[in-house]
Amino acid sequence: MVRRIRLIRHAAAFAAALLLSAGLAPAASADGPPAGPSPVAVQLNTYWTQARMAGALPGDTGKGSETGLTTPAASPTVDGPRPGEHIPPSKSFDGIPQAGTFFWTDATGTGRTCSGSVVRSPGHDLVLSAGHCLKGYSGTSPKRNLGFVPQYHDGLKPFGIFPIRNNGVYVPQQYYDRGEHAGAEYDFAFAVTEPNQDGTRLQDAVGGVRLLTGTGYYHAPVRMIGYPARGQKPLECWSWTTKWASDDPADPGTFPRIACDAFVGGTSGGPMLVPWPGGWAVIGVIGGYHTGGNTAQVSYSSYFGAATQALYRAAIAGDPPAGPSF
């Protein structure tokens, strides 16, 4: 225990040093007056009633699907806690304004959900999530009631709902080309939002977290937040990230790994946050290896590096988004 505490303290100091020297430049202020009321947001706000939001199923059906608490150390196809590993507990709470959940309906009309977080951007309109959550909405694909609700809890939409802009979903081309397993290192996405029903831009309503890239795999403390499907409140857990080199040839790559209990379907795309002057910075989202982890006790993220920076810049520039190759 003493050794673990020393490790966490050392990692915290190291992470603080990285935070002061790494990351993208601060976002510029958005220009121009606030947009007018959004008819699309008004329609979405009417559609997503408390009952429909409460009944939405996970959009990430693989996350937390395995029930075993321990995993053989040499298994390449099943991940999870190691024998004797401490798993920090999670707890439900009312959330923070910068984290929330996506709601949409699939091709059968069934409600679906995944998690996300608001990142600072010049347009004050950007949400970060997992690629496997949003990959079905590339280009002009029908959005089917797709919107983002920051700080959703107890059936409430405290800041309203923000529609996703047409042609506003950005997933790396490598993820489309390789698929969600072979492309696990590219399992992140950005969604450009439109104003809510009051005409307010997302970041103006809730603020945003700083996007950090190239900061390594070891961070402490880390606050992970996710929205379990059909849950009335989000979960939070305090832990630390380490480096996980995949031994599964179907999901190749190296990923940040974090132990936190009870992160099940719906939590994919939820942010891994580190303290930042004046708020928080995000160093990962639930996704990547095994689309975020087969068990509810251990989660992963794709590493945030040059590819993440490139996708962020494409999203804020309004470049044509990538899509499946036919």
C-alpha atoms as a PDB file:
ATOM      1  CA  MET A   1       0.000   0.000   0.000  1.00  0.00           C
ATOM      2  CA  VAL A   2       2.794   2.480   0.909  1.00  0.00           C
ATOM      3  CA  ARG A   3       4.549   1.693  -2.349  1.00  0.00           C
ATOM      4  CA  ARG A   4       1.318   2.276  -4.307  1.00  0.00           C
ATOM      5  CA  ILE A   5       0.740   5.644  -2.581  1.00  0.00           C
ATOM      6  CA  ARG A   6       4.294   6.720  -3.381  1.00  0.00           C
ATOM      7  CA  LEU A   7       3.777   5.653  -7.007  1.00  0.00           C
ATOM      8  CA  ILE A   8       0.568   7.685  -7.250  1.00  0.00           C
ATOM      9  CA  ARG A   9       2.217  10.755  -5.727  1.00  0.00           C
ATOM     10  CA  HIS A  10       5.164  10.452  -8.091  1.00  0.00           C
ATOM     11  CA  ALA A  11       2.842  10.035 -11.061  1.00  0.00           C
ATOM     12  CA  ALA A  12       0.796  13.033  -9.949  1.00  0.00           C
ATOM     13  CA  ALA A  13       3.859  15.234  -9.826  1.00  0.00           C
ATOM     14  CA  PHE A  14       5.015  13.947 -13.197  1.00  0.00           C
ATOM     15  CA  ALA A  15       1.551  14.538 -14.683  1.00  0.00           C
ATOM     16  CA  ALA A  16       1.487  18.073 -13.312  1.00  0.00           C
ATOM     17  CA  ALA A  17       4.773  18.803 -15.027  1.00  0.00           C
ATOM     18  CA  LEU A  18       3.435  17.440 -18.288  1.00  0.00           C
ATOM     19  CA  LEU A  19       0.282  19.496 -17.978  1.00  0.00           C
ATOM     20  CA  LEU A  20       2.309  22.674 -17.758  1.00  0.00           C
ATOM     21  CA  SER A  21       4.341  21.884 -20.853  1.00  0.00           C
ATOM     22  CA  ALA A  22       2.042  19.930 -23.181  1.00  0.00           C
ATOM     23  CA  GLY A  23      -1.208  20.203 -25.042  1.00  0.00           C
ATOM     24  CA  LEU A  24      -2.779  22.252 -27.761  1.00  0.00           C
ATOM     25  CA  ALA A  25      -2.732  26.036 -27.671  1.00  0.00           C
ATOM     26  CA  PRO A  26      -5.619  27.654 -25.770  1.00  0.00           C
ATOM     27  CA  ALA A  27      -8.738  27.967 -27.869  1.00  0.00           C
ATOM     28  CA  ALA A  28      -9.511  31.369 -29.273  1.00  0.00           C
ATOM     29  CA  SER A  29     -12.791  33.053 -28.392  1.00  0.00           C
ATOM     30  CA  ALA A  30     -15.582  32.516 -30.862  1.00  0.00           C
ATOM     31  CA  ASP A  31     -16.476  35.584 -32.888  1.00  0.00           C
ATOM     32  CA  GLY A  32     -19.890  36.952 -33.646  1.00  0.00           C
ATOM     33  CA  PRO A  33     -23.152  37.211 -31.702  1.00  0.00           C
ATOM     34  CA  PRO A  34     -24.920  34.150 -30.287  1.00  0.00           C
ATOM     35  CA  ALA A  35     -26.937  32.189 -32.810  1.00  0.00           C
ATOM     36  CA  GLY A  36     -30.731  32.388 -32.822  1.00  0.00           C
ATOM     37  CA  PRO A  37     -33.047  29.668 -31.515  1.00  0.00           C
ATOM     38  CA  SER A  38     -32.570  26.325 -33.232  1.00  0.00           C
ATOM     39  CA  PRO A  39     -35.722  24.639 -34.574  1.00  0.00           C
ATOM     40  CA  VAL A  40     -33.837  21.330 -34.754  1.00  0.00           C
ATOM     41  CA  ALA A  41     -32.969  21.603 -31.068  1.00  0.00           C
ATOM     42  CA  VAL A  42     -36.571  22.411 -30.214  1.00  0.00           C
ATOM     43  CA  GLN A  43     -37.681  19.239 -32.023  1.00  0.00           C
ATOM     44  CA  LEU A  44     -35.000  17.133 -30.330  1.00  0.00           C
ATOM     45  CA  ASN A  45     -35.884  18.549 -26.933  1.00  0.00           C
ATOM     46  CA  THR A  46     -39.487  17.510 -27.491  1.00  0.00           C
ATOM     47  CA  TYR A  47     -38.556  14.055 -28.766  1.00  0.00           C
ATOM     48  CA  TRP A  48     -36.186  13.147 -25.948  1.00  0.00           C
ATOM     49  CA  THR A  49     -38.633  12.885 -23.095  1.00  0.00           C
ATOM     50  CA  GLN A  50     -37.606  11.622 -19.675  1.00  0.00           C
ATOM     51  CA  ALA A  51     -39.027   8.198 -20.508  1.00  0.00           C
ATOM     52  CA  ARG A  52     -37.135   7.911 -23.799  1.00  0.00           C
ATOM     53  CA  MET A  53     -33.840   9.004 -22.263  1.00  0.00           C
ATOM     54  CA  ALA A  54     -34.248   6.660 -19.303  1.00  0.00           C
ATOM     55  CA  GLY A  55     -34.998   3.751 -21.646  1.00  0.00           C
ATOM     56  CA  ALA A  56     -32.105   4.269 -24.070  1.00  0.00           C
ATOM     57  CA  LEU A  57     -29.881   1.207 -24.504  1.00  0.00           C
ATOM     58  CA  PRO A  58     -26.074   1.322 -24.681  1.00  0.00           C
ATOM     59  CA  GLY A  59     -24.561   2.172 -28.031  1.00  0.00           C
ATOM     60  CA  ASP A  60     -21.433   0.272 -26.939  1.00  0.00           C
ATOM     61  CA  THR A  61     -22.752  -3.219 -26.330  1.00  0.00           C
ATOM     62  CA  GLY A  62     -19.294  -4.722 -25.754  1.00  0.00           C
ATOM     63  CA  LYS A  63     -18.228  -2.515 -22.846  1.00  0.00           C
ATOM     64  CA  GLY A  64     -18.371  -4.425 -19.558  1.00  0.00           C
ATOM     65  CA  SER A  65     -19.984  -7.461 -21.179  1.00  0.00           C
ATOM     66  CA  GLU A  66     -17.798  -9.976 -19.331  1.00  0.00           C
ATOM     67  CA  THR A  67     -18.828 -10.623 -15.740  1.00  0.00           C
ATOM     68  CA  GLY A  68     -15.682 -12.297 -14.382  1.00  0.00           C
ATOM     69  CA  LEU A  69     -13.783 -10.304 -11.751  1.00  0.00           C
ATOM     70  CA  THR A  70     -10.408 -11.870 -12.429  1.00  0.00           C
ATOM     71  CA  THR A  71      -8.726 -12.774 -15.662  1.00  0.00           C
ATOM     72  CA  PRO A  72      -5.997 -15.289 -16.462  1.00  0.00           C
ATOM     73  CA  ALA A  73      -2.782 -13.303 -16.827  1.00  0.00           C
ATOM     74  CA  ALA A  74      -1.915 -14.790 -20.227  1.00  0.00           C
ATOM     75  CA  SER A  75      -5.308 -14.493 -21.945  1.00  0.00           C
ATOM     76  CA  PRO A  76      -5.045 -12.437 -25.134  1.00  0.00           C
ATOM     77  CA  THR A  77      -8.773 -12.197 -25.823  1.00  0.00           C
ATOM     78  CA  VAL A  78     -10.249 -11.321 -22.429  1.00  0.00           C
ATOM     79  CA  ASP A  79      -9.083  -8.333 -20.433  1.00  0.00           C
ATOM     80  CA  GLY A  80      -9.789  -7.215 -16.889  1.00  0.00           C
ATOM     81  CA  PRO A  81      -8.335  -7.049 -13.396  1.00  0.00           C
ATOM     82  CA  ARG A  82      -5.207  -8.949 -12.545  1.00  0.00           C
ATOM     83  CA  PRO A  83      -5.239 -11.304  -9.548  1.00  0.00           C
ATOM     84  CA  GLY A  84      -5.081  -9.232  -6.376  1.00  0.00           C
ATOM     85  CA  GLU A  85      -5.351  -5.904  -8.214  1.00  0.00           C
ATOM     86  CA  HIS A  86      -7.028  -3.072  -6.312  1.00  0.00           C
ATOM     87  CA  ILE A  87     -10.095  -1.770  -8.167  1.00  0.00           C
ATOM     88  CA  PRO A  88     -11.084   1.745  -7.047  1.00  0.00           C
ATOM     89  CA  PRO A  89     -14.836   2.106  -6.500  1.00  0.00           C
ATOM     90  CA  SER A  90     -17.118   4.359  -8.521  1.00  0.00           C
ATOM     91  CA  LYS A  91     -20.033   6.386  -7.247  1.00  0.00           C
ATOM     92  CA  SER A  92     -23.025   8.060  -8.828  1.00  0.00           C
ATOM     93  CA  PHE A  93     -23.328  11.841  -8.686  1.00  0.00           C
ATOM     94  CA  ASP A  94     -25.083  14.680 -10.488  1.00  0.00           C
ATOM     95  CA  GLY A  95     -22.237  15.159 -12.959  1.00  0.00           C
ATOM     96  CA  ILE A  96     -20.309  18.168 -14.190  1.00  0.00           C
ATOM     97  CA  PRO A  97     -21.408  20.599 -16.923  1.00  0.00           C
ATOM     98  CA  GLN A  98     -18.553  19.610 -19.262  1.00  0.00           C
ATOM     99  CA  ALA A  99     -19.517  15.910 -19.402  1.00  0.00           C
ATOM    100  CA  GLY A 100     -22.707  14.446 -20.751  1.00  0.00           C
ATOM    101  CA  THR A 101     -24.312  11.852 -22.923  1.00  0.00           C
ATOM    102  CA  PHE A 102     -25.335  11.419 -26.547  1.00  0.00           C
ATOM    103  CA  PHE A 103     -28.808  10.171 -27.371  1.00  0.00           C
ATOM    104  CA  TRP A 104     -29.885   8.835 -30.775  1.00  0.00           C
ATOM    105  CA  THR A 105     -32.165   6.251 -32.332  1.00  0.00           C
ATOM    106  CA  ASP A 106     -30.819   3.348 -34.339  1.00  0.00           C
ATOM    107  CA  ALA A 107     -32.234   2.055 -37.625  1.00  0.00           C
ATOM    108  CA  THR A 108     -34.964   0.175 -35.735  1.00  0.00           C
ATOM    109  CA  GLY A 109     -36.047   3.253 -33.777  1.00  0.00           C
ATOM    110  CA  THR A 110     -34.457   2.028 -30.525  1.00  0.00           C
ATOM    111  CA  GLY A 111     -32.918   4.714 -28.326  1.00  0.00           C
ATOM    112  CA  ARG A 112     -29.167   4.482 -27.839  1.00  0.00           C
ATOM    113  CA  THR A 113     -26.634   6.339 -25.702  1.00  0.00           C
ATOM    114  CA  CYS A 114     -22.889   6.931 -25.247  1.00  0.00           C
ATOM    115  CA  SER A 115     -20.858   9.384 -23.173  1.00  0.00           C
ATOM    116  CA  GLY A 116     -18.848  12.455 -24.158  1.00  0.00           C
ATOM    117  CA  SER A 117     -17.187  15.653 -22.945  1.00  0.00           C
ATOM    118  CA  VAL A 118     -17.041  19.245 -24.161  1.00  0.00           C
ATOM    119  CA  VAL A 119     -13.553  20.285 -25.276  1.00  0.00           C
ATOM    120  CA  ARG A 120     -12.438  23.868 -25.777  1.00  0.00           C
ATOM    121  CA  SER A 121     -12.597  24.966 -29.387  1.00  0.00           C
ATOM    122  CA  PRO A 122     -12.682  28.220 -31.347  1.00  0.00           C
ATOM    123  CA  GLY A 123     -16.291  27.559 -32.371  1.00  0.00           C
ATOM    124  CA  HIS A 124     -17.406  26.747 -28.800  1.00  0.00           C
ATOM    125  CA  ASP A 125     -19.227  23.714 -30.205  1.00  0.00           C
ATOM    126  CA  LEU A 126     -17.122  20.552 -29.926  1.00  0.00           C
ATOM    127  CA  VAL A 127     -17.743  17.245 -28.109  1.00  0.00           C
ATOM    128  CA  LEU A 128     -15.171  14.462 -27.709  1.00  0.00           C
ATOM    129  CA  SER A 129     -16.263  10.810 -27.610  1.00  0.00           C
ATOM    130  CA  ALA A 130     -15.298   7.333 -28.836  1.00  0.00           C
ATOM    131  CA  GLY A 131     -15.117   6.416 -32.504  1.00  0.00           C
ATOM    132  CA  HIS A 132     -17.152   3.252 -32.003  1.00  0.00           C
ATOM    133  CA  CYS A 133     -20.004   5.375 -30.633  1.00  0.00           C
ATOM    134  CA  LEU A 134     -20.239   7.825 -33.537  1.00  0.00           C
ATOM    135  CA  LYS A 135     -18.840   5.953 -36.548  1.00  0.00           C
ATOM    136  CA  GLY A 136     -22.321   5.344 -37.970  1.00  0.00           C
ATOM    137  CA  TYR A 137     -22.884   9.056 -38.512  1.00  0.00           C
ATOM    138  CA  SER A 138     -20.178   9.945 -41.019  1.00  0.00           C
ATOM    139  CA  GLY A 139     -20.877  12.547 -43.657  1.00  0.00           C
ATOM    140  CA  THR A 140     -24.522  13.044 -44.487  1.00  0.00           C
ATOM    141  CA  SER A 141     -25.687   9.760 -42.929  1.00  0.00           C
ATOM    142  CA  PRO A 142     -29.094  10.203 -41.233  1.00  0.00           C
ATOM    143  CA  LYS A 143     -28.524  11.442 -37.690  1.00  0.00           C
ATOM    144  CA  ARG A 144     -31.754   9.892 -36.343  1.00  0.00           C
ATOM    145  CA  ASN A 145     -32.426  12.204 -33.396  1.00  0.00           C
ATOM    146  CA  LEU A 146     -28.732  12.529 -32.513  1.00  0.00           C
ATOM    147  CA  GLY A 147     -28.057  15.121 -29.845  1.00  0.00           C
ATOM    148  CA  PHE A 148     -25.815  15.785 -26.855  1.00  0.00           C
ATOM    149  CA  VAL A 149     -27.121  16.500 -23.339  1.00  0.00           C
ATOM    150  CA  PRO A 150     -24.489  17.981 -20.998  1.00  0.00           C
ATOM    151  CA  GLN A 151     -24.760  17.023 -17.314  1.00  0.00           C
ATOM    152  CA  TYR A 152     -27.769  14.790 -17.890  1.00  0.00           C
ATOM    153  CA  HIS A 153     -29.051  13.345 -14.624  1.00  0.00           C
ATOM    154  CA  ASP A 154     -32.367  12.195 -13.166  1.00  0.00           C
ATOM    155  CA  GLY A 155     -34.145  12.708 -16.462  1.00  0.00           C
ATOM    156  CA  LEU A 156     -33.117  16.384 -16.576  1.00  0.00           C
ATOM    157  CA  LYS A 157     -31.526  18.413 -19.370  1.00  0.00           C
ATOM    158  CA  PRO A 158     -30.151  21.315 -17.304  1.00  0.00           C
ATOM    159  CA  PHE A 159     -28.565  23.035 -20.315  1.00  0.00           C
ATOM    160  CA  GLY A 160     -30.912  21.708 -22.986  1.00  0.00           C
ATOM    161  CA  ILE A 161     -29.961  19.486 -25.890  1.00  0.00           C
ATOM    162  CA  PHE A 162     -27.464  20.277 -28.649  1.00  0.00           C
ATOM    163  CA  PRO A 163     -28.030  18.766 -32.115  1.00  0.00           C
ATOM    164  CA  ILE A 164     -25.054  17.411 -34.051  1.00  0.00           C
ATOM    165  CA  ARG A 165     -24.350  19.408 -37.186  1.00  0.00           C
ATOM    166  CA  ASN A 166     -24.836  17.779 -40.552  1.00  0.00           C
ATOM    167  CA  ASN A 167     -21.401  16.615 -41.746  1.00  0.00           C
ATOM    168  CA  GLY A 168     -20.184  17.308 -38.220  1.00  0.00           C
ATOM    169  CA  VAL A 169     -18.987  13.880 -37.024  1.00  0.00           C
ATOM    170  CA  TYR A 170     -15.224  13.344 -37.221  1.00  0.00           C
ATOM    171  CA  VAL A 171     -13.756   9.846 -36.844  1.00  0.00           C
ATOM    172  CA  PRO A 172     -10.253   8.976 -38.090  1.00  0.00           C
ATOM    173  CA  GLN A 173     -10.120   7.488 -41.575  1.00  0.00           C
ATOM    174  CA  GLN A 174      -7.886   4.723 -40.141  1.00  0.00           C
ATOM    175  CA  TYR A 175     -10.734   3.648 -37.868  1.00  0.00           C
ATOM    176  CA  TYR A 176     -13.145   3.317 -40.780  1.00  0.00           C
ATOM    177  CA  ASP A 177     -10.573   1.509 -42.917  1.00  0.00           C
ATOM    178  CA  ARG A 178      -9.290  -0.936 -40.292  1.00  0.00           C
ATOM    179  CA  GLY A 179     -12.451  -1.474 -38.259  1.00  0.00           C
ATOM    180  CA  GLU A 180     -13.111  -1.123 -34.561  1.00  0.00           C
ATOM    181  CA  HIS A 181     -10.705  -3.896 -33.549  1.00  0.00           C
ATOM    182  CA  ALA A 182      -7.734  -3.615 -35.924  1.00  0.00           C
ATOM    183  CA  GLY A 183      -8.178   0.169 -35.691  1.00  0.00           C
ATOM    184  CA  ALA A 184      -8.463   0.265 -31.897  1.00  0.00           C
ATOM    185  CA  GLU A 185      -5.649   2.831 -31.649  1.00  0.00           C
ATOM    186  CA  TYR A 186      -7.916   5.322 -33.471  1.00  0.00           C
ATOM    187  CA  ASP A 187     -11.053   4.902 -31.371  1.00  0.00           C
ATOM    188  CA  PHE A 188     -11.849   8.569 -30.722  1.00  0.00           C
ATOM    189  CA  ALA A 189     -14.189  11.056 -32.365  1.00  0.00           C
ATOM    190  CA  PHE A 190     -15.353  14.671 -32.341  1.00  0.00           C
ATOM    191  CA  ALA A 191     -18.880  15.925 -32.941  1.00  0.00           C
ATOM    192  CA  VAL A 192     -19.632  19.514 -33.926  1.00  0.00           C
ATOM    193  CA  THR A 193     -22.830  20.719 -32.292  1.00  0.00           C
ATOM    194  CA  GLU A 194     -25.444  23.304 -33.170  1.00  0.00           C
ATOM    195  CA  PRO A 195     -26.914  25.690 -30.573  1.00  0.00           C
ATOM    196  CA  ASN A 196     -29.531  24.454 -28.125  1.00  0.00           C
ATOM    197  CA  GLN A 197     -33.201  25.414 -28.216  1.00  0.00           C
ATOM    198  CA  ASP A 198     -32.360  28.816 -26.691  1.00  0.00           C
ATOM    199  CA  GLY A 199     -29.753  29.570 -29.354  1.00  0.00           C
ATOM    200  CA  THR A 200     -26.801  29.165 -26.954  1.00  0.00           C
ATOM    201  CA  ARG A 201     -23.584  27.544 -28.111  1.00  0.00           C
ATOM    202  CA  LEU A 202     -22.412  24.515 -26.157  1.00  0.00           C
ATOM    203  CA  GLN A 203     -19.180  25.835 -24.667  1.00  0.00           C
ATOM    204  CA  ASP A 204     -20.838  29.154 -23.825  1.00  0.00           C
ATOM    205  CA  ALA A 205     -23.400  27.215 -21.805  1.00  0.00           C
ATOM    206  CA  VAL A 206     -21.162  24.759 -19.945  1.00  0.00           C
ATOM    207  CA  GLY A 207     -17.494  25.652 -20.460  1.00  0.00           C
ATOM    208  CA  GLY A 208     -14.993  23.127 -21.749  1.00  0.00           C
ATOM    209  CA  VAL A 209     -12.041  20.948 -20.790  1.00  0.00           C
ATOM    210  CA  ARG A 210      -8.575  21.244 -22.286  1.00  0.00           C
ATOM    211  CA  LEU A 211      -7.571  18.584 -24.835  1.00  0.00           C
ATOM    212  CA  LEU A 212      -4.080  17.243 -24.117  1.00  0.00           C
ATOM    213  CA  THR A 213      -2.046  15.097 -26.491  1.00  0.00           C
ATOM    214  CA  GLY A 214       1.395  13.517 -26.346  1.00  0.00           C
ATOM    215  CA  THR A 215       1.507  13.416 -22.540  1.00  0.00           C
ATOM    216  CA  GLY A 216       2.355   9.731 -22.080  1.00  0.00           C
ATOM    217  CA  TYR A 217       0.480   6.849 -20.522  1.00  0.00           C
ATOM    218  CA  TYR A 218       1.020   7.424 -16.803  1.00  0.00           C
ATOM    219  CA  HIS A 219      -1.302   9.922 -15.130  1.00  0.00           C
ATOM    220  CA  ALA A 220      -2.486  10.376 -11.557  1.00  0.00           C
ATOM    221  CA  PRO A 221      -4.870  11.386 -10.222  1.00  0.00           C
ATOM    222  CA  VAL A 222      -7.381  10.643 -12.981  1.00  0.00           C
ATOM    223  CA  ARG A 223     -11.090  11.321 -12.643  1.00  0.00           C
ATOM    224  CA  MET A 224     -13.095   9.125 -15.003  1.00  0.00           C
ATOM    225  CA  ILE A 225     -16.751   9.940 -15.741  1.00  0.00           C
ATOM    226  CA  GLY A 226     -19.241   7.848 -17.697  1.00  0.00           C
ATOM    227  CA  TYR A 227     -22.979   7.445 -18.185  1.00  0.00           C
ATOM    228  CA  PRO A 228     -24.215   3.867 -17.771  1.00  0.00           C
ATOM    229  CA  ALA A 229     -27.204   3.204 -20.022  1.00  0.00           C
ATOM    230  CA  ARG A 230     -30.538   3.374 -18.203  1.00  0.00           C
ATOM    231  CA  GLY A 231     -28.793   4.970 -15.231  1.00  0.00           C
ATOM    232  CA  GLN A 232     -30.308   8.069 -13.698  1.00  0.00           C
ATOM    233  CA  LYS A 233     -26.922   9.570 -12.865  1.00  0.00           C
ATOM    234  CA  PRO A 234     -23.372   9.419 -14.224  1.00  0.00           C
ATOM    235  CA  LEU A 235     -20.543   7.580 -12.466  1.00  0.00           C
ATOM    236  CA  GLU A 236     -17.228   9.000 -11.358  1.00  0.00           C
ATOM    237  CA  CYS A 237     -14.109   7.210 -10.160  1.00  0.00           C
ATOM    238  CA  TRP A 238     -10.666   8.409  -9.070  1.00  0.00           C
ATOM    239  CA  SER A 239      -7.764   6.232 -10.168  1.00  0.00           C
ATOM    240  CA  TRP A 240      -4.603   6.320 -12.293  1.00  0.00           C
ATOM    241  CA  THR A 241      -3.628   5.264 -15.808  1.00  0.00           C
ATOM    242  CA  THR A 242      -0.819   2.923 -16.802  1.00  0.00           C
ATOM    243  CA  LYS A 243       0.514   1.565 -20.089  1.00  0.00           C
ATOM    244  CA  TRP A 244      -1.104  -1.511 -21.633  1.00  0.00           C
ATOM    245  CA  ALA A 245       0.583  -3.202 -24.601  1.00  0.00           C
ATOM    246  CA  SER A 246      -1.967  -5.417 -26.315  1.00  0.00           C
ATOM    247  CA  ASP A 247      -1.231  -9.120 -26.643  1.00  0.00           C
ATOM    248  CA  ASP A 248      -4.398  -9.611 -28.703  1.00  0.00           C
ATOM    249  CA  PRO A 249      -3.523  -9.599 -32.428  1.00  0.00           C
ATOM    250  CA  ALA A 250      -7.119  -8.657 -33.242  1.00  0.00           C
ATOM    251  CA  ASP A 251      -6.786  -5.406 -31.204  1.00  0.00           C
ATOM    252  CA  PRO A 252      -3.166  -4.339 -31.715  1.00  0.00           C
ATOM    253  CA  GLY A 253      -1.556  -1.295 -30.155  1.00  0.00           C
ATOM    254  CA  THR A 254      -0.574   0.305 -26.876  1.00  0.00           C
ATOM    255  CA  PHE A 255      -3.206   1.961 -24.713  1.00  0.00           C
ATOM    256  CA  PRO A 256      -3.736   3.831 -21.447  1.00  0.00           C
ATOM    257  CA  ARG A 257      -5.342   1.428 -18.956  1.00  0.00           C
ATOM    258  CA  ILE A 258      -7.357   2.364 -15.859  1.00  0.00           C
ATOM    259  CA  ALA A 259      -8.981   0.299 -13.123  1.00  0.00           C
ATOM    260  CA  CYS A 260     -12.368   1.640 -11.979  1.00  0.00           C
ATOM    261  CA  ASP A 261     -15.383  -0.403 -10.944  1.00  0.00           C
ATOM    262  CA  ALA A 262     -18.837  -0.517 -12.568  1.00  0.00           C
ATOM    263  CA  PHE A 263     -18.130   1.115 -15.952  1.00  0.00           C
ATOM    264  CA  VAL A 264     -20.583  -0.760 -18.157  1.00  0.00           C
ATOM    265  CA  GLY A 265     -22.384  -0.165 -21.468  1.00  0.00           C
ATOM    266  CA  GLY A 266     -23.120   3.487 -22.178  1.00  0.00           C
ATOM    267  CA  THR A 267     -19.932   4.750 -20.517  1.00  0.00           C
ATOM    268  CA  SER A 268     -17.854   4.523 -23.710  1.00  0.00           C
ATOM    269  CA  GLY A 269     -16.646   7.947 -24.780  1.00  0.00           C
ATOM    270  CA  GLY A 270     -16.586   9.158 -21.180  1.00  0.00           C
ATOM    271  CA  PRO A 271     -13.573  11.335 -20.362  1.00  0.00           C
ATOM    272  CA  MET A 272     -10.462  10.540 -18.367  1.00  0.00           C
ATOM    273  CA  LEU A 273      -9.725  13.891 -16.722  1.00  0.00           C
ATOM    274  CA  VAL A 274      -6.683  15.323 -14.957  1.00  0.00           C
ATOM    275  CA  PRO A 275      -6.571  18.541 -12.938  1.00  0.00           C
ATOM    276  CA  TRP A 276      -5.827  21.638 -14.990  1.00  0.00           C
ATOM    277  CA  PRO A 277      -5.486  25.255 -13.834  1.00  0.00           C
ATOM    278  CA  GLY A 278      -9.029  26.573 -13.631  1.00  0.00           C
ATOM    279  CA  GLY A 279     -10.675  23.217 -14.347  1.00  0.00           C
ATOM    280  CA  TRP A 280      -9.890  19.947 -16.117  1.00  0.00           C
ATOM    281  CA  ALA A 281      -7.970  18.524 -19.063  1.00  0.00           C
ATOM    282  CA  VAL A 282      -8.817  15.304 -20.925  1.00  0.00           C
ATOM    283  CA  ILE A 283      -6.120  12.724 -21.697  1.00  0.00           C
ATOM    284  CA  GLY A 284      -8.328   9.879 -22.928  1.00  0.00           C
ATOM    285  CA  VAL A 285     -11.851   8.533 -23.412  1.00  0.00           C
ATOM    286  CA  ILE A 286     -13.257   5.095 -22.686  1.00  0.00           C
ATOM    287  CA  GLY A 287     -12.585   3.139 -25.870  1.00  0.00           C
ATOM    288  CA  GLY A 288      -9.628   1.678 -27.747  1.00  0.00           C
ATOM    289  CA  TYR A 289      -8.599  -1.811 -26.674  1.00  0.00           C
ATOM    290  CA  HIS A 290     -11.641  -4.112 -26.886  1.00  0.00           C
ATOM    291  CA  THR A 291     -13.729  -0.942 -27.484  1.00  0.00           C
ATOM    292  CA  GLY A 292     -13.036   0.207 -23.949  1.00  0.00           C
ATOM    293  CA  GLY A 293     -12.738  -3.091 -22.106  1.00  0.00           C
ATOM    294  CA  ASN A 294     -14.698  -6.318 -21.840  1.00  0.00           C
ATOM    295  CA  THR A 295     -15.147  -6.014 -18.079  1.00  0.00           C
ATOM    296  CA  ALA A 296     -16.744  -3.353 -15.914  1.00  0.00           C
ATOM    297  CA  GLN A 297     -13.642  -3.128 -13.704  1.00  0.00           C
ATOM    298  CA  VAL A 298     -10.971  -2.110 -16.244  1.00  0.00           C
ATOM    299  CA  SER A 299     -11.232   0.452 -19.049  1.00  0.00           C
ATOM    300  CA  TYR A 300      -8.904   1.647 -21.793  1.00  0.00           C
ATOM    301  CA  SER A 301      -8.422   4.566 -24.143  1.00  0.00           C
ATOM    302  CA  SER A 302      -6.745   5.084 -27.462  1.00  0.00           C
ATOM    303  CA  TYR A 303      -3.550   7.059 -26.929  1.00  0.00           C
ATOM    304  CA  PHE A 304      -3.990  10.760 -27.660  1.00  0.00           C
ATOM    305  CA  GLY A 305      -1.180  11.779 -30.013  1.00  0.00           C
ATOM    306  CA  ALA A 306      -0.619  13.240 -33.469  1.00  0.00           C
ATOM    307  CA  ALA A 307      -3.695  11.535 -34.949  1.00  0.00           C
ATOM    308  CA  THR A 308      -5.900  13.077 -32.258  1.00  0.00           C
ATOM    309  CA  GLN A 309      -4.430  16.515 -32.894  1.00  0.00           C
ATOM    310  CA  ALA A 310      -5.020  16.121 -36.631  1.00  0.00           C
ATOM    311  CA  LEU A 311      -8.659  15.107 -36.123  1.00  0.00           C
ATOM    312  CA  TYR A 312      -9.256  18.010 -33.719  1.00  0.00           C
ATOM    313  CA  ARG A 313      -7.840  20.467 -36.239  1.00  0.00           C
ATOM    314  CA  ALA A 314      -9.962  19.023 -39.024  1.00  0.00           C
ATOM    315  CA  ALA A 315     -13.080  19.396 -36.871  1.00  0.00           C
ATOM    316  CA  ILE A 316     -12.434  23.011 -35.872  1.00  0.00           C
ATOM    317  CA  ALA A 317     -11.527  23.921 -39.462  1.00  0.00           C
ATOM    318  CA  GLY A 318     -14.730  22.379 -40.800  1.00  0.00           C
ATOM    319  CA  ASP A 319     -12.858  20.089 -43.208  1.00  0.00           C
ATOM    320  CA  PRO A 320     -14.878  17.377 -44.957  1.00  0.00           C
ATOM    321  CA  PRO A 321     -15.067  14.479 -42.458  1.00  0.00           C
ATOM    322  CA  ALA A 322     -13.735  11.020 -43.216  1.00  0.00           C
ATOM    323  CA  GLY A 323     -16.058   8.104 -43.878  1.00  0.00           C
ATOM    324  CA  PRO A 324     -16.180   4.447 -44.848  1.00  0.00           C
ATOM    325  CA  SER A 325     -14.348   3.534 -48.045  1.00  0.00           C
ATOM    326  CA  PHE A 326     -16.536   1.789 -50.587  1.00  0.00           C
END
